[in-house]
Amino acid sequence: MNHDSVILSPLVTEKSTLAGGKGNQVVFKVAPQAGKDKIREAIEGMFKVTVLKIRTINFLGKERRRGRSIGRQRNWKKAYVTLKEGDKIEFFEGV
């Protein structure tokens, strides 16, 4: 697994912004099969920061219905990454 297939996207929501402000945390949407060690390697390799702690949460895809047919959204995983004091990842610099 390379770094691009582990880290899918940053999650920029109200909750993740508050976590970043008070705990020096960043939130990412990651591959469901990625473990904490792979997530740590990918973030440290991509952003050149030091990761102290990672918490992951698995989400089950919701069932969706359109008429008689029933479908299901994909399962996904969210990772809260705590960075070393002084390290920072900015997604929207200069905005």
PDB file of N, CA and C in Angstrom:
ATOM      1  N   MET A   1       0.843  -1.191   0.000  1.00  0.00           N
ATOM      2  CA  MET A   1       0.000   0.000   0.000  1.00  0.00           C
ATOM      3  C   MET A   1       0.882   1.247   0.000  1.00  0.00           C
ATOM      4  N   ASN A   2       0.662   2.139  -0.969  1.00  0.00           N
ATOM      5  CA  ASN A   2       1.401   3.390  -0.944  1.00  0.00           C
ATOM      6  C   ASN A   2       0.614   4.438  -0.164  1.00  0.00           C
ATOM      7  N   HIS A   3       1.235   5.598   0.043  1.00  0.00           N
ATOM      8  CA  HIS A   3       0.631   6.622   0.889  1.00  0.00           C
ATOM      9  C   HIS A   3      -0.687   7.143   0.328  1.00  0.00           C
ATOM     10  N   ASP A   4      -0.785   7.225  -0.999  1.00  0.00           N
ATOM     11  CA  ASP A   4      -2.005   7.755  -1.609  1.00  0.00           C
ATOM     12  C   ASP A   4      -3.190   6.815  -1.454  1.00  0.00           C
ATOM     13  N   SER A   5      -2.946   5.529  -1.345  1.00  0.00           N
ATOM     14  CA  SER A   5      -4.057   4.596  -1.191  1.00  0.00           C
ATOM     15  C   SER A   5      -4.466   4.421   0.273  1.00  0.00           C
ATOM     16  N   VAL A   6      -3.650   4.882   1.208  1.00  0.00           N
ATOM     17  CA  VAL A   6      -3.998   4.801   2.636  1.00  0.00           C
ATOM     18  C   VAL A   6      -4.804   6.027   3.048  1.00  0.00           C
ATOM     19  N   ILE A   7      -4.298   7.224   2.736  1.00  0.00           N
ATOM     20  CA  ILE A   7      -4.967   8.469   3.090  1.00  0.00           C
ATOM     21  C   ILE A   7      -5.841   8.871   1.902  1.00  0.00           C
ATOM     22  N   LEU A   8      -7.167   8.806   2.069  1.00  0.00           N
ATOM     23  CA  LEU A   8      -8.069   9.124   0.967  1.00  0.00           C
ATOM     24  C   LEU A   8      -8.345  10.618   0.859  1.00  0.00           C
ATOM     25  N   SER A   9      -8.644  11.269   1.989  1.00  0.00           N
ATOM     26  CA  SER A   9      -8.909  12.707   1.957  1.00  0.00           C
ATOM     27  C   SER A   9      -8.924  13.248   3.383  1.00  0.00           C
ATOM     28  N   PRO A  10      -8.678  14.552   3.532  1.00  0.00           N
ATOM     29  CA  PRO A  10      -8.873  15.168   4.853  1.00  0.00           C
ATOM     30  C   PRO A  10     -10.366  15.405   5.062  1.00  0.00           C
ATOM     31  N   LEU A  11     -10.794  15.324   6.307  1.00  0.00           N
ATOM     32  CA  LEU A  11     -12.188  15.630   6.643  1.00  0.00           C
ATOM     33  C   LEU A  11     -12.225  16.999   7.309  1.00  0.00           C
ATOM     34  N   VAL A  12     -12.816  17.945   6.640  1.00  0.00           N
ATOM     35  CA  VAL A  12     -12.910  19.301   7.175  1.00  0.00           C
ATOM     36  C   VAL A  12     -14.366  19.560   7.511  1.00  0.00           C
ATOM     37  N   THR A  13     -14.691  19.359   8.781  1.00  0.00           N
ATOM     38  CA  THR A  13     -16.038  19.585   9.291  1.00  0.00           C
ATOM     39  C   THR A  13     -15.935  20.460  10.535  1.00  0.00           C
ATOM     40  N   GLU A  14     -17.061  20.837  11.098  1.00  0.00           N
ATOM     41  CA  GLU A  14     -17.033  21.629  12.327  1.00  0.00           C
ATOM     42  C   GLU A  14     -16.342  20.862  13.452  1.00  0.00           C
ATOM     43  N   LYS A  15     -16.685  19.599  13.585  1.00  0.00           N
ATOM     44  CA  LYS A  15     -16.124  18.780  14.658  1.00  0.00           C
ATOM     45  C   LYS A  15     -14.615  18.605  14.499  1.00  0.00           C
ATOM     46  N   SER A  16     -14.145  18.369  13.268  1.00  0.00           N
ATOM     47  CA  SER A  16     -12.713  18.182  13.050  1.00  0.00           C
ATOM     48  C   SER A  16     -11.954  19.491  13.224  1.00  0.00           C
ATOM     49  N   THR A  17     -12.571  20.618  12.891  1.00  0.00           N
ATOM     50  CA  THR A  17     -11.931  21.912  13.088  1.00  0.00           C
ATOM     51  C   THR A  17     -11.771  22.206  14.576  1.00  0.00           C
ATOM     52  N   LEU A  18     -12.782  21.880  15.373  1.00  0.00           N
ATOM     53  CA  LEU A  18     -12.675  22.066  16.826  1.00  0.00           C
ATOM     54  C   LEU A  18     -11.604  21.161  17.427  1.00  0.00           C
ATOM     55  N   ALA A  19     -11.515  19.921  16.931  1.00  0.00           N
ATOM     56  CA  ALA A  19     -10.489  18.999  17.428  1.00  0.00           C
ATOM     57  C   ALA A  19      -9.101  19.519  17.105  1.00  0.00           C
ATOM     58  N   GLY A  20      -8.945  20.120  15.948  1.00  0.00           N
ATOM     59  CA  GLY A  20      -7.653  20.676  15.563  1.00  0.00           C
ATOM     60  C   GLY A  20      -7.271  21.888  16.390  1.00  0.00           C
ATOM     61  N   GLY A  21      -8.265  22.668  16.790  1.00  0.00           N
ATOM     62  CA  GLY A  21      -7.994  23.871  17.553  1.00  0.00           C
ATOM     63  C   GLY A  21      -7.582  23.609  18.981  1.00  0.00           C
ATOM     64  N   LYS A  22      -8.172  22.606  19.620  1.00  0.00           N
ATOM     65  CA  LYS A  22      -7.873  22.409  21.039  1.00  0.00           C
ATOM     66  C   LYS A  22      -6.903  21.264  21.322  1.00  0.00           C
ATOM     67  N   GLY A  23      -6.754  20.302  20.400  1.00  0.00           N
ATOM     68  CA  GLY A  23      -5.910  19.163  20.710  1.00  0.00           C
ATOM     69  C   GLY A  23      -4.799  18.890  19.730  1.00  0.00           C
ATOM     70  N   ASN A  24      -4.545  19.822  18.787  1.00  0.00           N
ATOM     71  CA  ASN A  24      -3.525  19.628  17.757  1.00  0.00           C
ATOM     72  C   ASN A  24      -3.782  18.320  17.001  1.00  0.00           C
ATOM     73  N   GLN A  25      -5.036  18.112  16.594  1.00  0.00           N
ATOM     74  CA  GLN A  25      -5.432  16.909  15.883  1.00  0.00           C
ATOM     75  C   GLN A  25      -5.866  17.242  14.463  1.00  0.00           C
ATOM     76  N   VAL A  26      -5.697  16.277  13.581  1.00  0.00           N
ATOM     77  CA  VAL A  26      -6.145  16.382  12.200  1.00  0.00           C
ATOM     78  C   VAL A  26      -6.975  15.135  11.914  1.00  0.00           C
ATOM     79  N   VAL A  27      -8.039  15.275  11.112  1.00  0.00           N
ATOM     80  CA  VAL A  27      -8.932  14.162  10.836  1.00  0.00           C
ATOM     81  C   VAL A  27      -8.847  13.810   9.352  1.00  0.00           C
ATOM     82  N   PHE A  28      -8.701  12.506   9.068  1.00  0.00           N
ATOM     83  CA  PHE A  28      -8.588  12.024   7.701  1.00  0.00           C
ATOM     84  C   PHE A  28      -9.591  10.912   7.455  1.00  0.00           C
ATOM     85  N   LYS A  29     -10.042  10.800   6.201  1.00  0.00           N
ATOM     86  CA  LYS A  29     -10.778   9.625   5.745  1.00  0.00           C
ATOM     87  C   LYS A  29      -9.723   8.685   5.185  1.00  0.00           C
ATOM     88  N   VAL A  30      -9.666   7.454   5.726  1.00  0.00           N
ATOM     89  CA  VAL A  30      -8.610   6.517   5.354  1.00  0.00           C
ATOM     90  C   VAL A  30      -9.223   5.236   4.784  1.00  0.00           C
ATOM     91  N   ALA A  31      -8.388   4.420   4.187  1.00  0.00           N
ATOM     92  CA  ALA A  31      -8.834   3.153   3.623  1.00  0.00           C
ATOM     93  C   ALA A  31      -9.298   2.230   4.755  1.00  0.00           C
ATOM     94  N   PRO A  32     -10.410   1.517   4.569  1.00  0.00           N
ATOM     95  CA  PRO A  32     -10.932   0.657   5.640  1.00  0.00           C
ATOM     96  C   PRO A  32      -9.977  -0.457   6.061  1.00  0.00           C
ATOM     97  N   GLN A  33      -9.115  -0.938   5.181  1.00  0.00           N
ATOM     98  CA  GLN A  33      -8.201  -2.016   5.530  1.00  0.00           C
ATOM     99  C   GLN A  33      -6.890  -1.513   6.118  1.00  0.00           C
ATOM    100  N   ALA A  34      -6.690  -0.202   6.203  1.00  0.00           N
ATOM    101  CA  ALA A  34      -5.436   0.357   6.719  1.00  0.00           C
ATOM    102  C   ALA A  34      -5.409   0.287   8.240  1.00  0.00           C
ATOM    103  N   GLY A  35      -4.279  -0.169   8.786  1.00  0.00           N
ATOM    104  CA  GLY A  35      -4.092  -0.203  10.227  1.00  0.00           C
ATOM    105  C   GLY A  35      -3.419   1.068  10.707  1.00  0.00           C
ATOM    106  N   LYS A  36      -3.303   1.198  12.026  1.00  0.00           N
ATOM    107  CA  LYS A  36      -2.721   2.407  12.597  1.00  0.00           C
ATOM    108  C   LYS A  36      -1.260   2.592  12.184  1.00  0.00           C
ATOM    109  N   ASP A  37      -0.516   1.501  12.055  1.00  0.00           N
ATOM    110  CA  ASP A  37       0.889   1.621  11.655  1.00  0.00           C
ATOM    111  C   ASP A  37       1.023   2.135  10.228  1.00  0.00           C
ATOM    112  N   LYS A  38       0.168   1.674   9.309  1.00  0.00           N
ATOM    113  CA  LYS A  38       0.188   2.153   7.924  1.00  0.00           C
ATOM    114  C   LYS A  38      -0.244   3.618   7.847  1.00  0.00           C
ATOM    115  N   ILE A  39      -1.239   4.003   8.648  1.00  0.00           N
ATOM    116  CA  ILE A  39      -1.694   5.394   8.668  1.00  0.00           C
ATOM    117  C   ILE A  39      -0.570   6.293   9.177  1.00  0.00           C
ATOM    118  N   ARG A  40       0.117   5.867  10.232  1.00  0.00           N
ATOM    119  CA  ARG A  40       1.234   6.643  10.788  1.00  0.00           C
ATOM    120  C   ARG A  40       2.342   6.839   9.744  1.00  0.00           C
ATOM    121  N   GLU A  41       2.731   5.760   9.064  1.00  0.00           N
ATOM    122  CA  GLU A  41       3.774   5.855   8.032  1.00  0.00           C
ATOM    123  C   GLU A  41       3.365   6.799   6.917  1.00  0.00           C
ATOM    124  N   ALA A  42       2.110   6.721   6.492  1.00  0.00           N
ATOM    125  CA  ALA A  42       1.640   7.545   5.380  1.00  0.00           C
ATOM    126  C   ALA A  42       1.633   9.025   5.748  1.00  0.00           C
ATOM    127  N   ILE A  43       1.139   9.366   6.935  1.00  0.00           N
ATOM    128  CA  ILE A  43       1.056  10.770   7.330  1.00  0.00           C
ATOM    129  C   ILE A  43       2.443  11.347   7.570  1.00  0.00           C
ATOM    130  N   GLU A  44       3.299  10.593   8.235  1.00  0.00           N
ATOM    131  CA  GLU A  44       4.659  11.087   8.470  1.00  0.00           C
ATOM    132  C   GLU A  44       5.429  11.216   7.157  1.00  0.00           C
ATOM    133  N   GLY A  45       5.178  10.326   6.206  1.00  0.00           N
ATOM    134  CA  GLY A  45       5.854  10.398   4.919  1.00  0.00           C
ATOM    135  C   GLY A  45       5.353  11.525   4.033  1.00  0.00           C
ATOM    136  N   MET A  46       4.039  11.766   4.036  1.00  0.00           N
ATOM    137  CA  MET A  46       3.455  12.779   3.164  1.00  0.00           C
ATOM    138  C   MET A  46       3.659  14.197   3.680  1.00  0.00           C
ATOM    139  N   PHE A  47       3.492  14.405   4.976  1.00  0.00           N
ATOM    140  CA  PHE A  47       3.469  15.764   5.520  1.00  0.00           C
ATOM    141  C   PHE A  47       4.698  16.123   6.339  1.00  0.00           C
ATOM    142  N   LYS A  48       5.622  15.194   6.575  1.00  0.00           N
ATOM    143  CA  LYS A  48       6.856  15.446   7.329  1.00  0.00           C
ATOM    144  C   LYS A  48       6.562  16.005   8.726  1.00  0.00           C
ATOM    145  N   VAL A  49       5.679  15.312   9.445  1.00  0.00           N
ATOM    146  CA  VAL A  49       5.328  15.665  10.819  1.00  0.00           C
ATOM    147  C   VAL A  49       5.536  14.437  11.699  1.00  0.00           C
ATOM    148  N   THR A  50       5.468  14.631  13.012  1.00  0.00           N
ATOM    149  CA  THR A  50       5.587  13.532  13.961  1.00  0.00           C
ATOM    150  C   THR A  50       4.210  13.227  14.542  1.00  0.00           C
ATOM    151  N   VAL A  51       3.789  11.977  14.429  1.00  0.00           N
ATOM    152  CA  VAL A  51       2.480  11.543  14.916  1.00  0.00           C
ATOM    153  C   VAL A  51       2.653  10.944  16.309  1.00  0.00           C
ATOM    154  N   LEU A  52       1.862  11.439  17.272  1.00  0.00           N
ATOM    155  CA  LEU A  52       1.917  10.906  18.634  1.00  0.00           C
ATOM    156  C   LEU A  52       0.894   9.798  18.862  1.00  0.00           C
ATOM    157  N   LYS A  53      -0.337  10.005  18.367  1.00  0.00           N
ATOM    158  CA  LYS A  53      -1.412   9.051  18.653  1.00  0.00           C
ATOM    159  C   LYS A  53      -2.399   9.041  17.494  1.00  0.00           C
ATOM    160  N   ILE A  54      -2.993   7.862  17.261  1.00  0.00           N
ATOM    161  CA  ILE A  54      -4.014   7.714  16.228  1.00  0.00           C
ATOM    162  C   ILE A  54      -5.209   6.980  16.817  1.00  0.00           C
ATOM    163  N   ARG A  55      -6.409   7.544  16.603  1.00  0.00           N
ATOM    164  CA  ARG A  55      -7.644   6.876  16.982  1.00  0.00           C
ATOM    165  C   ARG A  55      -8.450   6.666  15.712  1.00  0.00           C
ATOM    166  N   THR A  56      -8.962   5.457  15.515  1.00  0.00           N
ATOM    167  CA  THR A  56      -9.719   5.163  14.307  1.00  0.00           C
ATOM    168  C   THR A  56     -11.151   4.767  14.650  1.00  0.00           C
ATOM    169  N   ILE A  57     -12.048   5.068  13.710  1.00  0.00           N
ATOM    170  CA  ILE A  57     -13.458   4.751  13.860  1.00  0.00           C
ATOM    171  C   ILE A  57     -13.936   4.148  12.551  1.00  0.00           C
ATOM    172  N   ASN A  58     -14.608   2.997  12.617  1.00  0.00           N
ATOM    173  CA  ASN A  58     -15.187   2.363  11.433  1.00  0.00           C
ATOM    174  C   ASN A  58     -16.656   2.743  11.324  1.00  0.00           C
ATOM    175  N   PHE A  59     -17.075   3.121  10.120  1.00  0.00           N
ATOM    176  CA  PHE A  59     -18.458   3.468   9.855  1.00  0.00           C
ATOM    177  C   PHE A  59     -19.038   2.481   8.856  1.00  0.00           C
ATOM    178  N   LEU A  60     -20.224   1.962   9.148  1.00  0.00           N
ATOM    179  CA  LEU A  60     -20.922   1.089   8.216  1.00  0.00           C
ATOM    180  C   LEU A  60     -21.685   1.941   7.213  1.00  0.00           C
ATOM    181  N   GLY A  61     -21.675   1.521   5.959  1.00  0.00           N
ATOM    182  CA  GLY A  61     -22.407   2.242   4.929  1.00  0.00           C
ATOM    183  C   GLY A  61     -23.901   2.132   5.158  1.00  0.00           C
ATOM    184  N   LYS A  62     -24.615   3.202   4.874  1.00  0.00           N
ATOM    185  CA  LYS A  62     -26.056   3.220   5.082  1.00  0.00           C
ATOM    186  C   LYS A  62     -26.777   2.530   3.935  1.00  0.00           C
ATOM    187  N   GLU A  63     -27.927   1.954   4.255  1.00  0.00           N
ATOM    188  CA  GLU A  63     -28.772   1.391   3.206  1.00  0.00           C
ATOM    189  C   GLU A  63     -29.568   2.523   2.575  1.00  0.00           C
ATOM    190  N   ARG A  64     -29.622   2.526   1.255  1.00  0.00           N
ATOM    191  CA  ARG A  64     -30.397   3.523   0.519  1.00  0.00           C
ATOM    192  C   ARG A  64     -31.401   2.806  -0.361  1.00  0.00           C
ATOM    193  N   ARG A  65     -32.552   3.412  -0.520  1.00  0.00           N
ATOM    194  CA  ARG A  65     -33.617   2.784  -1.273  1.00  0.00           C
ATOM    195  C   ARG A  65     -34.089   3.726  -2.363  1.00  0.00           C
ATOM    196  N   ARG A  66     -34.232   3.204  -3.549  1.00  0.00           N
ATOM    197  CA  ARG A  66     -34.774   3.977  -4.667  1.00  0.00           C
ATOM    198  C   ARG A  66     -35.846   3.109  -5.325  1.00  0.00           C
ATOM    199  N   GLY A  67     -37.077   3.382  -4.976  1.00  0.00           N
ATOM    200  CA  GLY A  67     -38.167   2.550  -5.472  1.00  0.00           C
ATOM    201  C   GLY A  67     -38.124   1.182  -4.818  1.00  0.00           C
ATOM    202  N   ARG A  68     -38.102   0.132  -5.651  1.00  0.00           N
ATOM    203  CA  ARG A  68     -38.062  -1.230  -5.112  1.00  0.00           C
ATOM    204  C   ARG A  68     -36.648  -1.715  -4.868  1.00  0.00           C
ATOM    205  N   SER A  69     -35.671  -1.073  -5.485  1.00  0.00           N
ATOM    206  CA  SER A  69     -34.295  -1.559  -5.343  1.00  0.00           C
ATOM    207  C   SER A  69     -33.630  -0.950  -4.109  1.00  0.00           C
ATOM    208  N   ILE A  70     -32.857  -1.782  -3.445  1.00  0.00           N
ATOM    209  CA  ILE A  70     -32.154  -1.369  -2.241  1.00  0.00           C
ATOM    210  C   ILE A  70     -30.661  -1.444  -2.521  1.00  0.00           C
ATOM    211  N   GLY A  71     -29.953  -0.380  -2.176  1.00  0.00           N
ATOM    212  CA  GLY A  71     -28.510  -0.350  -2.348  1.00  0.00           C
ATOM    213  C   GLY A  71     -27.844  -0.032  -1.029  1.00  0.00           C
ATOM    214  N   ARG A  72     -26.542  -0.052  -1.033  1.00  0.00           N
ATOM    215  CA  ARG A  72     -25.799   0.210   0.191  1.00  0.00           C
ATOM    216  C   ARG A  72     -24.593   1.074  -0.134  1.00  0.00           C
ATOM    217  N   GLN A  73     -24.356   2.078   0.700  1.00  0.00           N
ATOM    218  CA  GLN A  73     -23.156   2.893   0.540  1.00  0.00           C
ATOM    219  C   GLN A  73     -21.960   2.118   1.067  1.00  0.00           C
ATOM    220  N   ARG A  74     -20.786   2.557   0.700  1.00  0.00           N
ATOM    221  CA  ARG A  74     -19.573   1.862   1.119  1.00  0.00           C
ATOM    222  C   ARG A  74     -19.269   2.089   2.597  1.00  0.00           C
ATOM    223  N   ASN A  75     -18.624   1.104   3.206  1.00  0.00           N
ATOM    224  CA  ASN A  75     -18.096   1.273   4.552  1.00  0.00           C
ATOM    225  C   ASN A  75     -16.866   2.164   4.455  1.00  0.00           C
ATOM    226  N   TRP A  76     -16.604   2.958   5.519  1.00  0.00           N
ATOM    227  CA  TRP A  76     -15.441   3.821   5.492  1.00  0.00           C
ATOM    228  C   TRP A  76     -14.858   3.969   6.888  1.00  0.00           C
ATOM    229  N   LYS A  77     -13.674   4.542   6.958  1.00  0.00           N
ATOM    230  CA  LYS A  77     -12.937   4.634   8.212  1.00  0.00           C
ATOM    231  C   LYS A  77     -12.424   6.056   8.390  1.00  0.00           C
ATOM    232  N   LYS A  78     -12.512   6.553   9.621  1.00  0.00           N
ATOM    233  CA  LYS A  78     -12.042   7.889   9.952  1.00  0.00           C
ATOM    234  C   LYS A  78     -10.912   7.758  10.962  1.00  0.00           C
ATOM    235  N   ALA A  79      -9.873   8.593  10.813  1.00  0.00           N
ATOM    236  CA  ALA A  79      -8.729   8.553  11.720  1.00  0.00           C
ATOM    237  C   ALA A  79      -8.493   9.934  12.312  1.00  0.00           C
ATOM    238  N   TYR A  80      -8.484  10.003  13.654  1.00  0.00           N
ATOM    239  CA  TYR A  80      -8.082  11.211  14.362  1.00  0.00           C
ATOM    240  C   TYR A  80      -6.593  11.075  14.663  1.00  0.00           C
ATOM    241  N   VAL A  81      -5.781  11.984  14.141  1.00  0.00           N
ATOM    242  CA  VAL A  81      -4.338  11.909  14.269  1.00  0.00           C
ATOM    243  C   VAL A  81      -3.871  13.056  15.159  1.00  0.00           C
ATOM    244  N   THR A  82      -3.215  12.732  16.274  1.00  0.00           N
ATOM    245  CA  THR A  82      -2.664  13.739  17.167  1.00  0.00           C
ATOM    246  C   THR A  82      -1.209  13.972  16.794  1.00  0.00           C
ATOM    247  N   LEU A  83      -0.870  15.242  16.561  1.00  0.00           N
ATOM    248  CA  LEU A  83       0.479  15.604  16.135  1.00  0.00           C
ATOM    249  C   LEU A  83       1.292  16.127  17.310  1.00  0.00           C
ATOM    250  N   LYS A  84       2.616  16.069  17.156  1.00  0.00           N
ATOM    251  CA  LYS A  84       3.531  16.603  18.171  1.00  0.00           C
ATOM    252  C   LYS A  84       3.337  18.107  18.269  1.00  0.00           C
ATOM    253  N   GLU A  85       3.526  18.653  19.461  1.00  0.00           N
ATOM    254  CA  GLU A  85       3.381  20.084  19.684  1.00  0.00           C
ATOM    255  C   GLU A  85       4.337  20.843  18.772  1.00  0.00           C
ATOM    256  N   GLY A  86       3.812  21.791  18.043  1.00  0.00           N
ATOM    257  CA  GLY A  86       4.617  22.567  17.106  1.00  0.00           C
ATOM    258  C   GLY A  86       4.463  22.112  15.663  1.00  0.00           C
ATOM    259  N   ASP A  87       4.092  20.852  15.432  1.00  0.00           N
ATOM    260  CA  ASP A  87       3.838  20.368  14.072  1.00  0.00           C
ATOM    261  C   ASP A  87       2.430  20.781  13.655  1.00  0.00           C
ATOM    262  N   LYS A  88       2.252  21.002  12.349  1.00  0.00           N
ATOM    263  CA  LYS A  88       0.982  21.501  11.871  1.00  0.00           C
ATOM    264  C   LYS A  88       0.767  21.039  10.438  1.00  0.00           C
ATOM    265  N   ILE A  89      -0.471  20.720  10.094  1.00  0.00           N
ATOM    266  CA  ILE A  89      -0.850  20.412   8.713  1.00  0.00           C
ATOM    267  C   ILE A  89      -1.945  21.398   8.348  1.00  0.00           C
ATOM    268  N   GLU A  90      -1.686  22.254   7.365  1.00  0.00           N
ATOM    269  CA  GLU A  90      -2.661  23.235   6.901  1.00  0.00           C
ATOM    270  C   GLU A  90      -3.201  22.801   5.553  1.00  0.00           C
ATOM    271  N   PHE A  91      -4.511  22.694   5.432  1.00  0.00           N
ATOM    272  CA  PHE A  91      -5.130  22.299   4.171  1.00  0.00           C
ATOM    273  C   PHE A  91      -5.497  23.506   3.324  1.00  0.00           C
ATOM    274  N   PHE A  92      -5.892  24.594   3.959  1.00  0.00           N
ATOM    275  CA  PHE A  92      -6.321  25.786   3.236  1.00  0.00           C
ATOM    276  C   PHE A  92      -5.467  26.975   3.654  1.00  0.00           C
ATOM    277  N   GLU A  93      -4.216  26.978   3.255  1.00  0.00           N
ATOM    278  CA  GLU A  93      -3.324  28.075   3.601  1.00  0.00           C
ATOM    279  C   GLU A  93      -3.639  29.275   2.730  1.00  0.00           C
ATOM    280  N   GLY A  94      -3.707  30.439   3.343  1.00  0.00           N
ATOM    281  CA  GLY A  94      -3.929  31.669   2.600  1.00  0.00           C
ATOM    282  C   GLY A  94      -5.359  31.912   2.170  1.00  0.00           C
ATOM    283  N   VAL A  95      -6.317  31.159   2.711  1.00  0.00           N
ATOM    284  CA  VAL A  95      -7.707  31.371   2.328  1.00  0.00           C
ATOM    285  C   VAL A  95      -8.359  32.301   3.316  1.00  0.00           C
TER     286      VAL A  95
END
